[in-house]
Amino acid sequence: MYIPKPHEETDQAVLYDLIRAHPLGTWAAPGDCELIVNHIPFLVDPSRGTFGTLMGHVARANPVWRAFSRTLPSVVVFHGPDTYISPSWYPSKQAHGRVVPTWNYVVVHAHGIPRVVDDSAWLLEHLNRLTDTHETGRSPAWKVADAPPDFVERMIERLVGIEIPLAKLEGKWKVSQNRPHADKLGVVAGLRAESSPVSAEMAAWVERYASRGE
């Protein structure tokens, strides 16, 4: 991934937080003669390995778990907020007019060679963790144990676990860092005026990074 220095995010805690907040990863795996792309939710364990380990699962009927390369790394992309940025929000537009539109976005690329975990106990623990994570705050909160045990057992037989020990973790936060400070504040105001959840999330990122490099 091309990452200009102003847009590089290297704080692993920040990268893990993005993965947790936007856990549906776009998993691109090299196969024999093509890229294999799937979209699956992952959990991340920062304590396992230098850059952490991703854990997910796929349907046993999905050929990816047999076809992905065991020697070349996969890449999993986690997409945070993204939004169009209008040059009309920049005070510099009125000053000299030399401005153009752009697109702000926040992404994490996680690189590693996957491995298959074809183990029912691992899958049950993983499904419990995944469910508990995403049911937090719901009332009532659904648990795997709410389903009949024989049904859960049959479902697990149809799944295959995936672990990806990470060899590289990249973050790109393109949140107007290259603009003059006044333009950054203009972007924050413009995004908040749009009154959408994505715009509000991006406005918070732009504001958080606005003082960097000033």
N, C-alpha and C. Protein backbone atom coordinates (compact mmCIF):
# COMPACT_ATOMS: atom_id res chain seq x y z
N MET A 1 0.85 -1.19 0.00
CA MET A 1 0.00 0.00 0.00
C MET A 1 0.89 1.24 0.00
N TYR A 2 0.55 2.19 -0.86
CA TYR A 2 1.27 3.46 -0.90
C TYR A 2 0.82 4.32 0.28
N ILE A 3 1.79 4.70 1.13
CA ILE A 3 1.46 5.49 2.32
C ILE A 3 2.41 6.69 2.41
N PRO A 4 1.98 7.87 1.99
CA PRO A 4 2.79 9.06 2.24
C PRO A 4 3.01 9.24 3.74
N LYS A 5 4.15 9.77 4.11
CA LYS A 5 4.51 9.87 5.52
C LYS A 5 3.44 10.55 6.38
N PRO A 6 2.81 11.65 5.92
CA PRO A 6 1.80 12.29 6.78
C PRO A 6 0.61 11.38 7.09
N HIS A 7 0.38 10.37 6.24
CA HIS A 7 -0.79 9.51 6.41
C HIS A 7 -0.47 8.17 7.07
N GLU A 8 0.76 7.98 7.48
CA GLU A 8 1.16 6.71 8.07
C GLU A 8 0.77 6.65 9.55
N GLU A 9 0.12 5.55 9.94
CA GLU A 9 -0.21 5.31 11.34
C GLU A 9 0.50 4.03 11.78
N THR A 10 1.38 4.16 12.76
CA THR A 10 2.19 3.02 13.19
C THR A 10 1.86 2.54 14.61
N ASP A 11 1.01 3.24 15.32
CA ASP A 11 0.65 2.86 16.68
C ASP A 11 -0.21 1.59 16.62
N GLN A 12 0.33 0.47 17.07
CA GLN A 12 -0.38 -0.79 16.95
C GLN A 12 -1.69 -0.78 17.73
N ALA A 13 -1.74 -0.09 18.84
CA ALA A 13 -2.99 -0.02 19.62
C ALA A 13 -4.09 0.65 18.79
N VAL A 14 -3.73 1.69 18.04
CA VAL A 14 -4.70 2.37 17.18
C VAL A 14 -5.16 1.44 16.06
N LEU A 15 -4.22 0.67 15.49
CA LEU A 15 -4.57 -0.25 14.41
C LEU A 15 -5.49 -1.36 14.91
N TYR A 16 -5.19 -1.90 16.10
CA TYR A 16 -6.06 -2.94 16.66
C TYR A 16 -7.46 -2.40 16.96
N ASP A 17 -7.52 -1.17 17.45
CA ASP A 17 -8.83 -0.57 17.73
C ASP A 17 -9.67 -0.45 16.46
N LEU A 18 -9.00 -0.10 15.34
CA LEU A 18 -9.72 0.01 14.07
C LEU A 18 -10.26 -1.35 13.64
N ILE A 19 -9.43 -2.40 13.79
CA ILE A 19 -9.88 -3.75 13.44
C ILE A 19 -11.08 -4.16 14.29
N ARG A 20 -11.03 -3.86 15.58
CA ARG A 20 -12.15 -4.22 16.47
C ARG A 20 -13.42 -3.45 16.12
N ALA A 21 -13.25 -2.19 15.73
CA ALA A 21 -14.41 -1.35 15.41
C ALA A 21 -15.00 -1.70 14.04
N HIS A 22 -14.17 -2.22 13.14
CA HIS A 22 -14.61 -2.56 11.77
C HIS A 22 -14.09 -3.95 11.43
N PRO A 23 -14.64 -5.00 12.07
CA PRO A 23 -14.02 -6.32 12.01
C PRO A 23 -14.25 -7.12 10.74
N LEU A 24 -15.14 -6.65 9.85
CA LEU A 24 -15.36 -7.40 8.61
C LEU A 24 -14.19 -7.15 7.66
N GLY A 25 -13.31 -8.13 7.56
CA GLY A 25 -12.11 -7.96 6.74
C GLY A 25 -12.32 -8.44 5.32
N THR A 26 -11.69 -7.74 4.38
CA THR A 26 -11.62 -8.20 3.00
C THR A 26 -10.33 -9.01 2.86
N TRP A 27 -10.47 -10.33 2.80
CA TRP A 27 -9.32 -11.24 2.80
C TRP A 27 -8.96 -11.59 1.37
N ALA A 28 -7.81 -11.13 0.93
CA ALA A 28 -7.30 -11.43 -0.41
C ALA A 28 -6.15 -12.42 -0.29
N ALA A 29 -6.34 -13.61 -0.85
CA ALA A 29 -5.35 -14.68 -0.73
C ALA A 29 -4.89 -15.11 -2.11
N PRO A 30 -3.59 -15.21 -2.33
CA PRO A 30 -3.12 -15.75 -3.61
C PRO A 30 -3.45 -17.23 -3.72
N GLY A 31 -3.97 -17.63 -4.88
CA GLY A 31 -4.22 -19.04 -5.16
C GLY A 31 -3.26 -19.52 -6.23
N ASP A 32 -3.61 -20.59 -6.91
CA ASP A 32 -2.72 -21.13 -7.94
C ASP A 32 -2.55 -20.19 -9.12
N CYS A 33 -3.64 -19.56 -9.55
CA CYS A 33 -3.54 -18.70 -10.73
C CYS A 33 -4.39 -17.45 -10.62
N GLU A 34 -4.90 -17.15 -9.44
CA GLU A 34 -5.71 -15.95 -9.27
C GLU A 34 -5.77 -15.57 -7.80
N LEU A 35 -6.19 -14.33 -7.54
CA LEU A 35 -6.46 -13.92 -6.18
C LEU A 35 -7.83 -14.43 -5.75
N ILE A 36 -7.91 -14.90 -4.51
CA ILE A 36 -9.17 -15.37 -3.96
C ILE A 36 -9.59 -14.35 -2.90
N VAL A 37 -10.77 -13.76 -3.05
CA VAL A 37 -11.21 -12.69 -2.16
C VAL A 37 -12.47 -13.11 -1.43
N ASN A 38 -12.44 -12.98 -0.11
CA ASN A 38 -13.61 -13.27 0.72
C ASN A 38 -13.78 -12.16 1.76
N HIS A 39 -14.96 -12.07 2.32
CA HIS A 39 -15.28 -11.05 3.33
C HIS A 39 -15.77 -11.77 4.57
N ILE A 40 -14.95 -11.75 5.63
CA ILE A 40 -15.31 -12.46 6.85
C ILE A 40 -14.94 -11.63 8.07
N PRO A 41 -15.70 -11.78 9.17
CA PRO A 41 -15.35 -11.06 10.40
C PRO A 41 -14.19 -11.75 11.11
N PHE A 42 -13.28 -10.95 11.63
CA PHE A 42 -12.12 -11.47 12.35
C PHE A 42 -12.09 -10.95 13.78
N LEU A 43 -11.51 -11.74 14.64
CA LEU A 43 -11.05 -11.28 15.94
C LEU A 43 -9.54 -11.09 15.85
N VAL A 44 -8.99 -10.18 16.65
CA VAL A 44 -7.54 -9.99 16.67
C VAL A 44 -7.03 -10.21 18.09
N ASP A 45 -5.94 -10.96 18.19
CA ASP A 45 -5.27 -11.20 19.47
C ASP A 45 -3.89 -10.55 19.41
N PRO A 46 -3.74 -9.35 19.99
CA PRO A 46 -2.46 -8.64 19.93
C PRO A 46 -1.33 -9.36 20.65
N SER A 47 -1.65 -10.27 21.57
CA SER A 47 -0.63 -10.90 22.40
C SER A 47 0.09 -12.05 21.71
N ARG A 48 -0.42 -12.47 20.56
CA ARG A 48 0.16 -13.63 19.87
C ARG A 48 0.98 -13.16 18.68
N GLY A 49 2.31 -13.15 18.83
CA GLY A 49 3.19 -12.73 17.75
C GLY A 49 3.53 -11.26 17.83
N THR A 50 4.50 -10.87 17.01
CA THR A 50 4.98 -9.48 17.02
C THR A 50 3.89 -8.50 16.63
N PHE A 51 3.06 -8.89 15.65
CA PHE A 51 2.02 -7.99 15.16
C PHE A 51 0.62 -8.53 15.44
N GLY A 52 0.51 -9.57 16.26
CA GLY A 52 -0.78 -10.12 16.59
C GLY A 52 -1.20 -11.23 15.64
N THR A 53 -2.37 -11.81 15.91
CA THR A 53 -2.92 -12.90 15.10
C THR A 53 -4.39 -12.66 14.86
N LEU A 54 -4.82 -12.83 13.61
CA LEU A 54 -6.23 -12.75 13.26
C LEU A 54 -6.85 -14.14 13.35
N MET A 55 -8.10 -14.20 13.79
CA MET A 55 -8.83 -15.46 13.89
C MET A 55 -10.21 -15.30 13.27
N GLY A 56 -10.56 -16.23 12.39
CA GLY A 56 -11.85 -16.19 11.73
C GLY A 56 -12.29 -17.59 11.36
N HIS A 57 -13.35 -17.68 10.58
CA HIS A 57 -13.82 -18.98 10.11
C HIS A 57 -14.51 -18.80 8.78
N VAL A 58 -14.54 -19.88 8.01
CA VAL A 58 -15.25 -19.89 6.73
C VAL A 58 -16.09 -21.17 6.65
N ALA A 59 -17.03 -21.17 5.74
CA ALA A 59 -17.82 -22.38 5.50
C ALA A 59 -16.91 -23.47 4.93
N ARG A 60 -17.13 -24.70 5.38
CA ARG A 60 -16.35 -25.81 4.83
C ARG A 60 -16.55 -25.92 3.32
N ALA A 61 -17.72 -25.48 2.84
CA ALA A 61 -18.00 -25.53 1.40
C ALA A 61 -17.23 -24.48 0.61
N ASN A 62 -16.66 -23.49 1.32
CA ASN A 62 -15.89 -22.43 0.66
C ASN A 62 -14.52 -22.99 0.28
N PRO A 63 -14.15 -22.99 -1.00
CA PRO A 63 -12.88 -23.61 -1.41
C PRO A 63 -11.64 -22.87 -0.95
N VAL A 64 -11.79 -21.68 -0.37
CA VAL A 64 -10.61 -20.87 -0.04
C VAL A 64 -9.68 -21.59 0.92
N TRP A 65 -10.22 -22.36 1.87
CA TRP A 65 -9.37 -22.95 2.90
C TRP A 65 -8.48 -24.06 2.35
N ARG A 66 -8.83 -24.58 1.19
CA ARG A 66 -7.97 -25.56 0.52
C ARG A 66 -7.06 -24.89 -0.50
N ALA A 67 -7.50 -23.73 -1.05
CA ALA A 67 -6.84 -23.16 -2.21
C ALA A 67 -5.83 -22.06 -1.90
N PHE A 68 -5.89 -21.44 -0.70
CA PHE A 68 -4.98 -20.31 -0.46
C PHE A 68 -3.53 -20.79 -0.38
N SER A 69 -2.61 -19.90 -0.75
CA SER A 69 -1.19 -20.23 -0.75
C SER A 69 -0.68 -20.46 0.66
N ARG A 70 0.09 -21.51 0.83
CA ARG A 70 0.74 -21.78 2.11
C ARG A 70 2.14 -21.19 2.18
N THR A 71 2.58 -20.54 1.09
CA THR A 71 3.93 -19.96 1.05
C THR A 71 3.94 -18.45 0.81
N LEU A 72 2.88 -17.92 0.20
CA LEU A 72 2.78 -16.48 -0.05
C LEU A 72 1.77 -15.86 0.92
N PRO A 73 2.05 -14.67 1.43
CA PRO A 73 1.14 -14.07 2.41
C PRO A 73 -0.17 -13.61 1.80
N SER A 74 -1.20 -13.69 2.60
CA SER A 74 -2.49 -13.06 2.30
C SER A 74 -2.46 -11.63 2.84
N VAL A 75 -3.44 -10.84 2.40
CA VAL A 75 -3.66 -9.51 2.95
C VAL A 75 -5.13 -9.41 3.35
N VAL A 76 -5.36 -8.94 4.57
CA VAL A 76 -6.73 -8.66 5.02
C VAL A 76 -6.85 -7.15 5.20
N VAL A 77 -7.84 -6.56 4.54
CA VAL A 77 -8.05 -5.11 4.59
C VAL A 77 -9.25 -4.82 5.48
N PHE A 78 -9.03 -3.96 6.46
CA PHE A 78 -10.10 -3.50 7.35
C PHE A 78 -10.39 -2.04 7.03
N HIS A 79 -11.63 -1.78 6.63
CA HIS A 79 -12.02 -0.44 6.18
C HIS A 79 -12.70 0.32 7.31
N GLY A 80 -12.12 1.46 7.68
CA GLY A 80 -12.79 2.37 8.59
C GLY A 80 -13.68 3.32 7.81
N PRO A 81 -13.97 4.49 8.36
CA PRO A 81 -14.83 5.45 7.65
C PRO A 81 -14.14 5.99 6.40
N ASP A 82 -14.94 6.33 5.41
CA ASP A 82 -14.42 7.01 4.21
C ASP A 82 -15.47 7.97 3.71
N THR A 83 -15.04 9.08 3.13
CA THR A 83 -15.99 10.08 2.65
C THR A 83 -15.34 11.07 1.70
N TYR A 84 -16.14 11.59 0.82
CA TYR A 84 -15.73 12.64 -0.11
C TYR A 84 -15.45 13.93 0.65
N ILE A 85 -14.42 14.66 0.24
CA ILE A 85 -14.07 15.94 0.85
C ILE A 85 -14.18 17.03 -0.21
N SER A 86 -15.07 17.97 0.02
CA SER A 86 -15.29 19.06 -0.93
C SER A 86 -14.29 20.20 -0.73
N PRO A 87 -13.68 20.69 -1.81
CA PRO A 87 -12.77 21.83 -1.68
C PRO A 87 -13.49 23.11 -1.24
N SER A 88 -14.81 23.12 -1.32
CA SER A 88 -15.56 24.29 -0.86
C SER A 88 -15.45 24.50 0.64
N TRP A 89 -15.01 23.45 1.36
CA TRP A 89 -14.86 23.57 2.81
C TRP A 89 -13.55 24.25 3.20
N TYR A 90 -12.63 24.40 2.26
CA TYR A 90 -11.32 24.97 2.58
C TYR A 90 -11.37 26.50 2.54
N PRO A 91 -10.93 27.19 3.58
CA PRO A 91 -10.76 28.63 3.47
C PRO A 91 -9.77 29.02 2.36
N SER A 92 -8.83 28.14 2.05
CA SER A 92 -7.86 28.45 0.99
C SER A 92 -8.52 28.55 -0.39
N LYS A 93 -9.72 27.99 -0.54
CA LYS A 93 -10.44 28.15 -1.81
C LYS A 93 -10.72 29.62 -2.07
N GLN A 94 -11.18 30.31 -1.01
CA GLN A 94 -11.46 31.74 -1.17
C GLN A 94 -10.17 32.55 -1.31
N ALA A 95 -9.09 32.06 -0.71
CA ALA A 95 -7.83 32.81 -0.73
C ALA A 95 -7.16 32.75 -2.10
N HIS A 96 -7.09 31.55 -2.72
CA HIS A 96 -6.36 31.46 -4.00
C HIS A 96 -6.99 30.50 -5.00
N GLY A 97 -7.93 29.69 -4.57
CA GLY A 97 -8.65 28.82 -5.50
C GLY A 97 -7.90 27.59 -5.97
N ARG A 98 -6.67 27.40 -5.54
CA ARG A 98 -5.88 26.26 -6.02
C ARG A 98 -6.14 25.03 -5.14
N VAL A 99 -7.34 24.51 -5.25
CA VAL A 99 -7.76 23.37 -4.43
C VAL A 99 -8.55 22.41 -5.32
N VAL A 100 -8.57 21.14 -4.92
CA VAL A 100 -9.32 20.12 -5.66
C VAL A 100 -10.01 19.20 -4.65
N PRO A 101 -11.02 18.45 -5.10
CA PRO A 101 -11.66 17.48 -4.21
C PRO A 101 -10.71 16.33 -3.87
N THR A 102 -11.02 15.63 -2.81
CA THR A 102 -10.26 14.43 -2.46
C THR A 102 -11.17 13.47 -1.71
N TRP A 103 -10.60 12.36 -1.29
CA TRP A 103 -11.36 11.37 -0.54
C TRP A 103 -10.57 11.02 0.71
N ASN A 104 -11.19 11.14 1.85
CA ASN A 104 -10.55 10.75 3.12
C ASN A 104 -10.97 9.33 3.47
N TYR A 105 -10.04 8.58 4.06
CA TYR A 105 -10.36 7.21 4.47
C TYR A 105 -9.36 6.74 5.51
N VAL A 106 -9.77 5.68 6.21
CA VAL A 106 -8.95 5.06 7.25
C VAL A 106 -8.95 3.56 6.98
N VAL A 107 -7.75 2.97 6.81
CA VAL A 107 -7.67 1.53 6.52
C VAL A 107 -6.50 0.90 7.25
N VAL A 108 -6.64 -0.39 7.50
CA VAL A 108 -5.55 -1.21 8.02
C VAL A 108 -5.36 -2.39 7.08
N HIS A 109 -4.10 -2.65 6.70
CA HIS A 109 -3.76 -3.83 5.92
C HIS A 109 -2.97 -4.78 6.82
N ALA A 110 -3.45 -6.01 6.97
CA ALA A 110 -2.81 -7.02 7.80
C ALA A 110 -2.28 -8.13 6.90
N HIS A 111 -0.97 -8.40 6.99
CA HIS A 111 -0.31 -9.36 6.11
C HIS A 111 0.14 -10.59 6.89
N GLY A 112 -0.06 -11.77 6.32
CA GLY A 112 0.44 -12.98 6.96
C GLY A 112 0.03 -14.22 6.18
N ILE A 113 0.70 -15.32 6.46
CA ILE A 113 0.37 -16.60 5.82
C ILE A 113 -0.65 -17.33 6.69
N PRO A 114 -1.85 -17.58 6.16
CA PRO A 114 -2.90 -18.22 6.96
C PRO A 114 -2.58 -19.68 7.25
N ARG A 115 -3.28 -20.20 8.24
CA ARG A 115 -3.25 -21.63 8.51
C ARG A 115 -4.66 -22.07 8.86
N VAL A 116 -4.95 -23.31 8.51
CA VAL A 116 -6.26 -23.89 8.77
C VAL A 116 -6.30 -24.48 10.16
N VAL A 117 -7.42 -24.26 10.87
CA VAL A 117 -7.64 -24.89 12.17
C VAL A 117 -8.91 -25.71 12.06
N ASP A 118 -8.74 -26.99 11.77
CA ASP A 118 -9.89 -27.88 11.59
C ASP A 118 -10.10 -28.64 12.90
N ASP A 119 -10.63 -27.91 13.88
CA ASP A 119 -10.73 -28.44 15.24
C ASP A 119 -12.02 -27.93 15.87
N SER A 120 -12.90 -28.84 16.25
CA SER A 120 -14.23 -28.44 16.74
C SER A 120 -14.15 -27.66 18.05
N ALA A 121 -13.21 -28.02 18.94
CA ALA A 121 -13.08 -27.30 20.21
C ALA A 121 -12.63 -25.86 19.96
N TRP A 122 -11.66 -25.69 19.05
CA TRP A 122 -11.20 -24.34 18.70
C TRP A 122 -12.35 -23.53 18.13
N LEU A 123 -13.11 -24.15 17.24
CA LEU A 123 -14.22 -23.43 16.59
C LEU A 123 -15.28 -23.02 17.61
N LEU A 124 -15.61 -23.91 18.55
CA LEU A 124 -16.62 -23.56 19.55
C LEU A 124 -16.14 -22.39 20.40
N GLU A 125 -14.89 -22.42 20.83
CA GLU A 125 -14.35 -21.30 21.62
C GLU A 125 -14.35 -20.02 20.80
N HIS A 126 -13.94 -20.12 19.52
CA HIS A 126 -13.91 -18.95 18.65
C HIS A 126 -15.31 -18.37 18.46
N LEU A 127 -16.29 -19.22 18.20
CA LEU A 127 -17.66 -18.73 17.99
C LEU A 127 -18.23 -18.10 19.24
N ASN A 128 -17.89 -18.65 20.39
CA ASN A 128 -18.32 -18.03 21.65
C ASN A 128 -17.71 -16.64 21.80
N ARG A 129 -16.40 -16.52 21.54
CA ARG A 129 -15.74 -15.22 21.66
C ARG A 129 -16.31 -14.22 20.66
N LEU A 130 -16.50 -14.67 19.41
CA LEU A 130 -17.01 -13.78 18.37
C LEU A 130 -18.41 -13.30 18.71
N THR A 131 -19.26 -14.23 19.13
CA THR A 131 -20.63 -13.88 19.48
C THR A 131 -20.67 -12.96 20.70
N ASP A 132 -19.94 -13.32 21.74
CA ASP A 132 -19.94 -12.50 22.95
C ASP A 132 -19.46 -11.07 22.66
N THR A 133 -18.47 -10.95 21.77
CA THR A 133 -17.95 -9.63 21.41
C THR A 133 -19.04 -8.77 20.78
N HIS A 134 -19.80 -9.35 19.86
CA HIS A 134 -20.76 -8.54 19.10
C HIS A 134 -22.15 -8.50 19.73
N GLU A 135 -22.37 -9.32 20.75
CA GLU A 135 -23.64 -9.23 21.48
C GLU A 135 -23.54 -8.32 22.71
N THR A 136 -22.32 -7.86 23.01
CA THR A 136 -22.13 -6.98 24.17
C THR A 136 -23.01 -5.74 24.05
N GLY A 137 -23.75 -5.45 25.10
CA GLY A 137 -24.62 -4.28 25.11
C GLY A 137 -26.02 -4.54 24.60
N ARG A 138 -26.26 -5.71 24.02
CA ARG A 138 -27.61 -6.04 23.55
C ARG A 138 -28.42 -6.66 24.68
N SER A 139 -29.71 -6.44 24.66
CA SER A 139 -30.57 -7.01 25.69
C SER A 139 -31.86 -7.54 25.04
N PRO A 140 -32.06 -8.85 25.10
CA PRO A 140 -31.16 -9.85 25.69
C PRO A 140 -30.00 -10.16 24.75
N ALA A 141 -28.87 -10.55 25.33
CA ALA A 141 -27.69 -10.91 24.55
C ALA A 141 -27.76 -12.40 24.19
N TRP A 142 -27.68 -12.70 22.88
CA TRP A 142 -27.73 -14.09 22.44
C TRP A 142 -26.39 -14.76 22.69
N LYS A 143 -26.41 -16.02 23.08
CA LYS A 143 -25.20 -16.81 23.27
C LYS A 143 -25.30 -18.09 22.45
N VAL A 144 -24.15 -18.61 22.08
CA VAL A 144 -24.13 -19.87 21.34
C VAL A 144 -24.88 -20.95 22.11
N ALA A 145 -24.73 -20.95 23.44
CA ALA A 145 -25.38 -21.96 24.28
C ALA A 145 -26.91 -21.86 24.26
N ASP A 146 -27.45 -20.76 23.71
CA ASP A 146 -28.91 -20.66 23.61
C ASP A 146 -29.47 -21.63 22.57
N ALA A 147 -28.64 -22.05 21.63
CA ALA A 147 -29.08 -22.99 20.61
C ALA A 147 -28.91 -24.42 21.12
N PRO A 148 -29.72 -25.36 20.62
CA PRO A 148 -29.59 -26.76 21.06
C PRO A 148 -28.19 -27.30 20.76
N PRO A 149 -27.60 -28.06 21.68
CA PRO A 149 -26.23 -28.55 21.49
C PRO A 149 -26.03 -29.35 20.21
N ASP A 150 -27.01 -30.18 19.82
CA ASP A 150 -26.84 -30.98 18.61
C ASP A 150 -26.84 -30.09 17.37
N PHE A 151 -27.63 -29.00 17.42
CA PHE A 151 -27.65 -28.04 16.31
C PHE A 151 -26.31 -27.33 16.19
N VAL A 152 -25.75 -26.88 17.33
CA VAL A 152 -24.45 -26.23 17.33
C VAL A 152 -23.38 -27.17 16.78
N GLU A 153 -23.44 -28.42 17.20
CA GLU A 153 -22.45 -29.41 16.74
C GLU A 153 -22.52 -29.57 15.22
N ARG A 154 -23.73 -29.63 14.67
CA ARG A 154 -23.88 -29.76 13.22
C ARG A 154 -23.37 -28.53 12.50
N MET A 155 -23.63 -27.35 13.06
CA MET A 155 -23.15 -26.12 12.44
C MET A 155 -21.62 -26.07 12.43
N ILE A 156 -21.00 -26.47 13.54
CA ILE A 156 -19.55 -26.44 13.64
C ILE A 156 -18.91 -27.40 12.63
N GLU A 157 -19.58 -28.52 12.37
CA GLU A 157 -19.05 -29.46 11.38
C GLU A 157 -18.98 -28.85 9.99
N ARG A 158 -19.74 -27.78 9.77
CA ARG A 158 -19.78 -27.15 8.45
C ARG A 158 -18.81 -25.97 8.34
N LEU A 159 -17.98 -25.78 9.38
CA LEU A 159 -17.07 -24.64 9.41
C LEU A 159 -15.62 -25.10 9.47
N VAL A 160 -14.73 -24.21 9.08
CA VAL A 160 -13.29 -24.42 9.20
C VAL A 160 -12.69 -23.14 9.79
N GLY A 161 -11.83 -23.29 10.79
CA GLY A 161 -11.19 -22.13 11.40
C GLY A 161 -10.00 -21.64 10.58
N ILE A 162 -9.74 -20.35 10.67
CA ILE A 162 -8.61 -19.72 9.99
C ILE A 162 -7.86 -18.86 11.00
N GLU A 163 -6.56 -19.04 11.09
CA GLU A 163 -5.69 -18.14 11.84
C GLU A 163 -4.67 -17.53 10.90
N ILE A 164 -4.40 -16.23 11.10
CA ILE A 164 -3.37 -15.55 10.31
C ILE A 164 -2.41 -14.85 11.26
N PRO A 165 -1.27 -15.48 11.58
CA PRO A 165 -0.24 -14.79 12.35
C PRO A 165 0.33 -13.65 11.48
N LEU A 166 0.34 -12.46 12.01
CA LEU A 166 0.67 -11.29 11.19
C LEU A 166 2.16 -11.03 11.14
N ALA A 167 2.67 -10.91 9.91
CA ALA A 167 4.08 -10.57 9.68
C ALA A 167 4.25 -9.08 9.43
N LYS A 168 3.14 -8.41 9.09
CA LYS A 168 3.21 -6.96 8.84
C LYS A 168 1.83 -6.37 9.07
N LEU A 169 1.80 -5.18 9.66
CA LEU A 169 0.55 -4.48 9.94
C LEU A 169 0.73 -3.03 9.53
N GLU A 170 -0.07 -2.56 8.56
CA GLU A 170 0.06 -1.21 8.03
C GLU A 170 -1.23 -0.43 8.28
N GLY A 171 -1.07 0.84 8.62
CA GLY A 171 -2.23 1.71 8.78
C GLY A 171 -2.08 2.97 7.94
N LYS A 172 -3.14 3.32 7.22
CA LYS A 172 -3.17 4.56 6.44
C LYS A 172 -4.37 5.38 6.89
N TRP A 173 -4.07 6.51 7.50
CA TRP A 173 -5.08 7.45 7.98
C TRP A 173 -5.01 8.69 7.10
N LYS A 174 -5.79 8.72 6.03
CA LYS A 174 -5.82 9.88 5.13
C LYS A 174 -6.94 10.79 5.62
N VAL A 175 -6.58 11.66 6.56
CA VAL A 175 -7.57 12.48 7.24
C VAL A 175 -7.16 13.96 7.21
N SER A 176 -6.80 14.41 6.01
CA SER A 176 -6.51 15.84 5.75
C SER A 176 -5.25 16.35 6.43
N GLN A 177 -4.31 15.45 6.80
CA GLN A 177 -3.09 15.91 7.49
C GLN A 177 -2.24 16.83 6.62
N ASN A 178 -2.36 16.71 5.31
CA ASN A 178 -1.51 17.50 4.41
C ASN A 178 -2.07 18.90 4.15
N ARG A 179 -3.23 19.24 4.71
CA ARG A 179 -3.84 20.55 4.47
C ARG A 179 -3.40 21.54 5.54
N PRO A 180 -3.43 22.84 5.23
CA PRO A 180 -3.20 23.86 6.26
C PRO A 180 -4.21 23.70 7.39
N HIS A 181 -3.83 24.17 8.58
CA HIS A 181 -4.67 23.96 9.75
C HIS A 181 -6.08 24.53 9.55
N ALA A 182 -6.17 25.69 8.93
CA ALA A 182 -7.50 26.30 8.72
C ALA A 182 -8.36 25.42 7.82
N ASP A 183 -7.74 24.78 6.82
CA ASP A 183 -8.50 23.88 5.95
C ASP A 183 -8.97 22.65 6.70
N LYS A 184 -8.14 22.13 7.61
CA LYS A 184 -8.55 20.99 8.43
C LYS A 184 -9.80 21.34 9.24
N LEU A 185 -9.79 22.51 9.84
CA LEU A 185 -10.96 22.93 10.62
C LEU A 185 -12.18 23.11 9.72
N GLY A 186 -11.94 23.57 8.49
CA GLY A 186 -13.04 23.69 7.53
C GLY A 186 -13.62 22.34 7.16
N VAL A 187 -12.76 21.33 7.04
CA VAL A 187 -13.22 19.97 6.75
C VAL A 187 -14.06 19.45 7.91
N VAL A 188 -13.61 19.67 9.14
CA VAL A 188 -14.37 19.23 10.30
C VAL A 188 -15.76 19.86 10.31
N ALA A 189 -15.82 21.17 10.07
CA ALA A 189 -17.11 21.86 10.07
C ALA A 189 -18.01 21.36 8.93
N GLY A 190 -17.41 21.15 7.75
CA GLY A 190 -18.19 20.69 6.61
C GLY A 190 -18.75 19.30 6.83
N LEU A 191 -17.93 18.41 7.39
CA LEU A 191 -18.40 17.05 7.65
C LEU A 191 -19.50 17.02 8.70
N ARG A 192 -19.33 17.81 9.75
CA ARG A 192 -20.36 17.81 10.80
C ARG A 192 -21.68 18.38 10.29
N ALA A 193 -21.60 19.30 9.36
CA ALA A 193 -22.83 19.87 8.81
C ALA A 193 -23.62 18.86 7.99
N GLU A 194 -22.96 17.78 7.55
CA GLU A 194 -23.67 16.77 6.76
C GLU A 194 -24.55 15.86 7.62
N SER A 195 -24.31 15.83 8.91
CA SER A 195 -25.18 15.12 9.86
C SER A 195 -25.39 13.65 9.52
N SER A 196 -24.33 12.96 9.10
CA SER A 196 -24.40 11.52 8.89
C SER A 196 -23.40 10.85 9.82
N PRO A 197 -23.67 9.60 10.24
CA PRO A 197 -22.74 8.93 11.16
C PRO A 197 -21.33 8.80 10.60
N VAL A 198 -21.21 8.48 9.31
CA VAL A 198 -19.88 8.33 8.71
C VAL A 198 -19.15 9.67 8.69
N SER A 199 -19.85 10.74 8.31
CA SER A 199 -19.24 12.06 8.29
C SER A 199 -18.81 12.48 9.69
N ALA A 200 -19.63 12.18 10.67
CA ALA A 200 -19.27 12.53 12.06
C ALA A 200 -18.04 11.76 12.52
N GLU A 201 -17.95 10.47 12.13
CA GLU A 201 -16.79 9.67 12.50
C GLU A 201 -15.52 10.21 11.84
N MET A 202 -15.64 10.57 10.57
CA MET A 202 -14.47 11.13 9.88
C MET A 202 -14.09 12.49 10.46
N ALA A 203 -15.07 13.31 10.79
CA ALA A 203 -14.78 14.60 11.41
C ALA A 203 -13.98 14.43 12.69
N ALA A 204 -14.32 13.41 13.47
CA ALA A 204 -13.58 13.15 14.71
C ALA A 204 -12.14 12.77 14.43
N TRP A 205 -11.91 11.98 13.38
CA TRP A 205 -10.54 11.61 13.02
C TRP A 205 -9.75 12.81 12.55
N VAL A 206 -10.35 13.64 11.69
CA VAL A 206 -9.65 14.83 11.19
C VAL A 206 -9.29 15.74 12.35
N GLU A 207 -10.23 15.95 13.27
CA GLU A 207 -9.98 16.82 14.41
C GLU A 207 -8.87 16.25 15.31
N ARG A 208 -8.89 14.92 15.48
CA ARG A 208 -7.88 14.28 16.34
C ARG A 208 -6.47 14.46 15.78
N TYR A 209 -6.34 14.45 14.47
CA TYR A 209 -5.02 14.54 13.85
C TYR A 209 -4.67 15.96 13.40
N ALA A 210 -5.56 16.92 13.64
CA ALA A 210 -5.39 18.28 13.09
C ALA A 210 -4.14 18.96 13.60
N SER A 211 -3.73 18.68 14.84
CA SER A 211 -2.59 19.39 15.41
C SER A 211 -1.25 18.71 15.09
N ARG A 212 -1.28 17.52 14.50
CA ARG A 212 -0.04 16.85 14.18
C ARG A 212 0.72 17.59 13.08
N GLY A 213 1.96 17.82 13.30
CA GLY A 213 2.78 18.47 12.30
C GLY A 213 2.63 19.98 12.26
N GLU A 214 1.78 20.53 13.15
CA GLU A 214 1.62 21.99 13.18
C GLU A 214 2.77 22.65 13.94
